[in-house]
Amino acid sequence: MQFERINENKIKVIFLREDIRQWNVNIKNLAENTQEMQNMVWSVLRLAEKEIGFSINGAQLQVEAVSKSEDEFVITITKLPAARNHTRGTRVIPPEMTVKKRPRSGTPVYIFRFRGFDEAVNGAKAIAGSFAGKSALYKYEEKFYITITPFNKDTFAGIGNIMSEYSERTVISSLIEGRLREYGKQMIENEAVEILADKF
């Protein structure tokens, strides 16, 4: 990832091939303005502040994206005056949104988002026989989330593929987990996969 400061209020962020894959960045995801993409933008802003001293200071943000090629994706982030009318087709990120970054740990956490409770149950049942690890169930903004911390991350690929048939795997899991803990309702604290598969 490369940062280029255009002026006091505008920066350009260049995502290269590995960054695009890591952050799951594309025009569609940004256009839909999902929570994951907002979290990605805030993570990028934290890096920009550290790398080139670009601080938003509570300003509203306009985010414009251009896909140069499969190897390069460019996002331009502009701090807006409070009274400015926003250009149609651009995304504005509210300044009041905050994301707490959790410290890195040795064991990754995977998070899957389900449209409804029944889908979460079906996903849990599909992996219950082969999954070993910690899991929790959250409800947030009318959707259900299962967080999974496998005992052995090397065996997770198959489980992740199965879960993807019933859900959408979130990006930037550590940031989403923080939002779930802060704003979501925890429905099952531990052994969510086992409980959902056995009791429902």
Protein backbone atom coordinates (compact mmCIF):
# COMPACT_ATOMS: atom_id res chain seq x y z
CA MET A 1 0.00 0.00 0.00
CA GLN A 2 1.31 3.42 -0.96
CA PHE A 3 0.22 6.85 0.27
CA GLU A 4 0.45 10.08 -1.71
CA ARG A 5 -0.49 13.43 -0.18
CA ILE A 6 -2.16 15.61 -2.82
CA ASN A 7 -2.80 18.58 -0.57
CA GLU A 8 -3.69 19.41 3.02
CA ASN A 9 -7.16 17.90 2.70
CA LYS A 10 -6.70 15.11 0.17
CA ILE A 11 -4.66 11.93 -0.09
CA LYS A 12 -4.38 9.13 -2.61
CA VAL A 13 -4.07 5.53 -1.41
CA ILE A 14 -2.72 3.01 -3.91
CA PHE A 15 -3.57 -0.64 -3.29
CA LEU A 16 -1.32 -3.10 -5.11
CA ARG A 17 -2.21 -6.70 -5.95
CA GLU A 18 -1.51 -8.12 -2.47
CA ASP A 19 -3.35 -5.25 -0.77
CA ILE A 20 -6.40 -5.73 -3.01
CA ARG A 21 -6.57 -9.39 -2.09
CA GLN A 22 -5.94 -8.81 1.63
CA TRP A 23 -8.57 -6.07 2.02
CA ASN A 24 -11.06 -7.47 -0.52
CA VAL A 25 -11.23 -4.05 -2.14
CA ASN A 26 -13.37 -3.52 -5.23
CA ILE A 27 -15.76 -0.95 -6.66
CA LYS A 28 -18.86 -2.96 -5.76
CA ASN A 29 -17.95 -3.32 -2.08
CA LEU A 30 -17.15 0.37 -1.76
CA ALA A 31 -20.28 1.43 -3.66
CA GLU A 32 -22.45 -0.60 -1.27
CA ASN A 33 -20.76 1.24 1.63
CA THR A 34 -20.76 -1.86 3.82
CA GLN A 35 -19.61 -1.80 7.42
CA GLU A 36 -16.51 -3.79 6.39
CA MET A 37 -15.54 -1.17 3.82
CA GLN A 38 -16.07 1.65 6.32
CA ASN A 39 -13.83 -0.22 8.74
CA MET A 40 -11.25 -0.68 5.99
CA VAL A 41 -11.27 3.06 5.27
CA TRP A 42 -10.73 3.85 8.94
CA SER A 43 -7.85 1.38 9.13
CA VAL A 44 -6.29 3.03 6.09
CA LEU A 45 -6.74 6.45 7.69
CA ARG A 46 -4.90 5.28 10.79
CA LEU A 47 -2.02 4.12 8.60
CA ALA A 48 -2.09 7.39 6.64
CA GLU A 49 -1.84 9.39 9.86
CA LYS A 50 1.15 7.33 10.91
CA GLU A 51 2.88 7.29 7.53
CA ILE A 52 2.28 10.82 6.17
CA GLY A 53 0.65 12.73 9.03
CA PHE A 54 -2.81 12.96 7.44
CA SER A 55 -5.31 13.55 10.27
CA ILE A 56 -9.06 13.93 9.69
CA ASN A 57 -9.76 15.88 12.91
CA GLY A 58 -13.45 14.93 12.90
CA ALA A 59 -14.13 16.10 9.33
CA GLN A 60 -16.57 14.38 7.00
CA LEU A 61 -14.87 12.28 4.34
CA GLN A 62 -15.50 11.79 0.67
CA VAL A 63 -14.09 8.53 -0.68
CA GLU A 64 -13.64 8.06 -4.42
CA ALA A 65 -12.37 4.85 -5.97
CA VAL A 66 -10.88 3.91 -9.34
CA SER A 67 -9.86 0.44 -10.45
CA LYS A 68 -6.75 0.90 -12.59
CA SER A 69 -6.22 -2.80 -13.24
CA GLU A 70 -6.24 -6.10 -11.39
CA ASP A 71 -2.86 -5.06 -10.01
CA GLU A 72 -3.76 -1.55 -8.85
CA PHE A 73 -6.73 0.06 -7.11
CA VAL A 74 -6.72 3.74 -6.13
CA ILE A 75 -8.80 5.41 -3.43
CA THR A 76 -8.84 9.18 -3.01
CA ILE A 77 -9.90 10.43 0.42
CA THR A 78 -10.89 14.07 0.85
CA LYS A 79 -11.74 16.00 4.02
CA LEU A 80 -14.89 18.03 3.34
CA PRO A 81 -16.01 21.39 4.73
CA ALA A 82 -19.13 20.93 6.85
CA ALA A 83 -21.46 22.81 4.48
CA ARG A 84 -20.29 21.27 1.20
CA ASN A 85 -22.77 19.46 -1.04
CA HIS A 86 -21.46 16.02 -1.87
CA THR A 87 -20.98 14.83 -5.42
CA ARG A 88 -23.36 12.10 -6.48
CA GLY A 89 -21.74 8.68 -6.74
CA THR A 90 -19.17 9.21 -4.01
CA ARG A 91 -19.24 7.70 -0.55
CA VAL A 92 -19.27 9.87 2.56
CA ILE A 93 -18.09 8.29 5.79
CA PRO A 94 -19.59 9.80 8.98
CA PRO A 95 -16.93 11.29 11.30
CA GLU A 96 -18.68 10.04 14.43
CA MET A 97 -17.95 6.43 13.53
CA THR A 98 -15.11 5.01 15.59
CA VAL A 99 -13.41 1.64 15.41
CA LYS A 100 -11.30 0.26 18.19
CA LYS A 101 -8.36 -1.73 16.94
CA ARG A 102 -7.71 -4.82 18.97
CA PRO A 103 -4.15 -6.01 19.65
CA ARG A 104 -2.88 -8.76 17.40
CA SER A 105 -2.91 -12.22 18.84
CA GLY A 106 -1.29 -15.43 17.71
CA THR A 107 -4.61 -17.13 17.01
CA PRO A 108 -6.76 -15.66 14.23
CA VAL A 109 -10.48 -15.03 14.65
CA TYR A 110 -12.77 -15.73 11.71
CA ILE A 111 -16.19 -14.10 11.51
CA PHE A 112 -19.15 -15.16 9.39
CA ARG A 113 -22.25 -13.04 8.82
CA PHE A 114 -25.62 -14.74 8.35
CA ARG A 115 -28.81 -13.16 7.03
CA GLY A 116 -30.93 -14.93 9.64
CA PHE A 117 -30.85 -17.23 12.64
CA ASP A 118 -31.82 -20.31 10.60
CA GLU A 119 -28.83 -19.81 8.30
CA ALA A 120 -26.54 -19.58 11.34
CA VAL A 121 -27.97 -22.85 12.68
CA ASN A 122 -27.51 -24.58 9.31
CA GLY A 123 -23.93 -23.37 9.07
CA ALA A 124 -23.16 -24.60 12.58
CA LYS A 125 -24.67 -27.99 11.85
CA ALA A 126 -22.63 -28.29 8.67
CA ILE A 127 -19.28 -27.94 10.50
CA ALA A 128 -20.11 -29.30 13.96
CA GLY A 129 -18.58 -32.71 13.30
CA SER A 130 -15.24 -31.39 12.07
CA PHE A 131 -14.75 -28.14 14.00
CA ALA A 132 -12.56 -27.86 17.09
CA GLY A 133 -12.15 -24.47 18.72
CA LYS A 134 -13.93 -21.56 20.36
CA SER A 135 -17.03 -19.96 18.92
CA ALA A 136 -19.57 -17.30 19.88
CA LEU A 137 -22.84 -16.02 18.44
CA TYR A 138 -23.74 -12.32 18.13
CA LYS A 139 -26.69 -10.40 16.76
CA TYR A 140 -25.95 -6.99 15.27
CA GLU A 141 -28.10 -4.81 13.00
CA GLU A 142 -30.63 -7.63 12.40
CA LYS A 143 -27.93 -10.05 11.23
CA PHE A 144 -26.24 -12.91 13.05
CA TYR A 145 -22.51 -13.42 13.38
CA ILE A 146 -20.54 -16.48 14.43
CA THR A 147 -16.98 -15.79 15.54
CA ILE A 148 -14.64 -18.76 15.29
CA THR A 149 -11.21 -19.28 16.81
CA PRO A 150 -9.95 -22.70 15.65
CA PHE A 151 -7.52 -24.63 17.84
CA ASN A 152 -5.53 -25.41 14.70
CA LYS A 153 -5.69 -22.70 12.04
CA ASP A 154 -4.08 -25.01 9.46
CA THR A 155 -7.23 -27.12 9.36
CA PHE A 156 -9.59 -24.15 9.01
CA ALA A 157 -9.67 -23.88 5.20
CA GLY A 158 -12.19 -26.68 4.73
CA ILE A 159 -14.44 -25.38 7.50
CA GLY A 160 -14.28 -21.87 6.08
CA ASN A 161 -15.35 -23.14 2.66
CA ILE A 162 -18.34 -24.95 4.17
CA MET A 163 -19.41 -21.92 6.19
CA SER A 164 -19.20 -19.73 3.09
CA GLU A 165 -22.08 -21.71 1.61
CA TYR A 166 -24.37 -20.39 4.34
CA SER A 167 -22.84 -17.01 5.13
CA GLU A 168 -20.53 -14.21 4.11
CA ARG A 169 -17.08 -14.18 5.62
CA THR A 170 -16.17 -10.72 6.87
CA VAL A 171 -12.93 -8.94 6.12
CA ILE A 172 -10.75 -7.25 8.75
CA SER A 173 -12.01 -9.66 11.39
CA SER A 174 -10.27 -8.01 14.35
CA LEU A 175 -12.11 -4.73 13.71
CA ILE A 176 -15.48 -6.41 13.18
CA GLU A 177 -15.00 -8.41 16.37
CA GLY A 178 -14.43 -5.18 18.29
CA ARG A 179 -17.63 -3.70 16.87
CA LEU A 180 -19.61 -6.82 17.77
CA ARG A 181 -18.29 -6.77 21.33
CA GLU A 182 -19.09 -3.07 21.72
CA TYR A 183 -22.41 -2.74 19.90
CA GLY A 184 -23.71 -6.24 19.21
CA LYS A 185 -25.77 -8.52 21.45
CA GLN A 186 -23.87 -11.63 22.48
CA MET A 187 -26.33 -14.51 22.36
CA ILE A 188 -23.96 -17.42 23.03
CA GLU A 189 -20.64 -16.69 24.71
CA ASN A 190 -18.84 -19.95 23.95
CA GLU A 191 -19.37 -23.23 22.11
CA ALA A 192 -21.86 -21.52 19.81
CA VAL A 193 -21.27 -24.02 17.01
CA GLU A 194 -21.94 -26.99 19.27
CA ILE A 195 -24.98 -25.42 20.93
CA LEU A 196 -26.59 -24.29 17.68
CA ALA A 197 -26.02 -27.68 16.07
CA ASP A 198 -27.31 -29.64 19.07
CA LYS A 199 -30.18 -27.54 20.40
CA PHE A 200 -31.82 -26.09 17.27
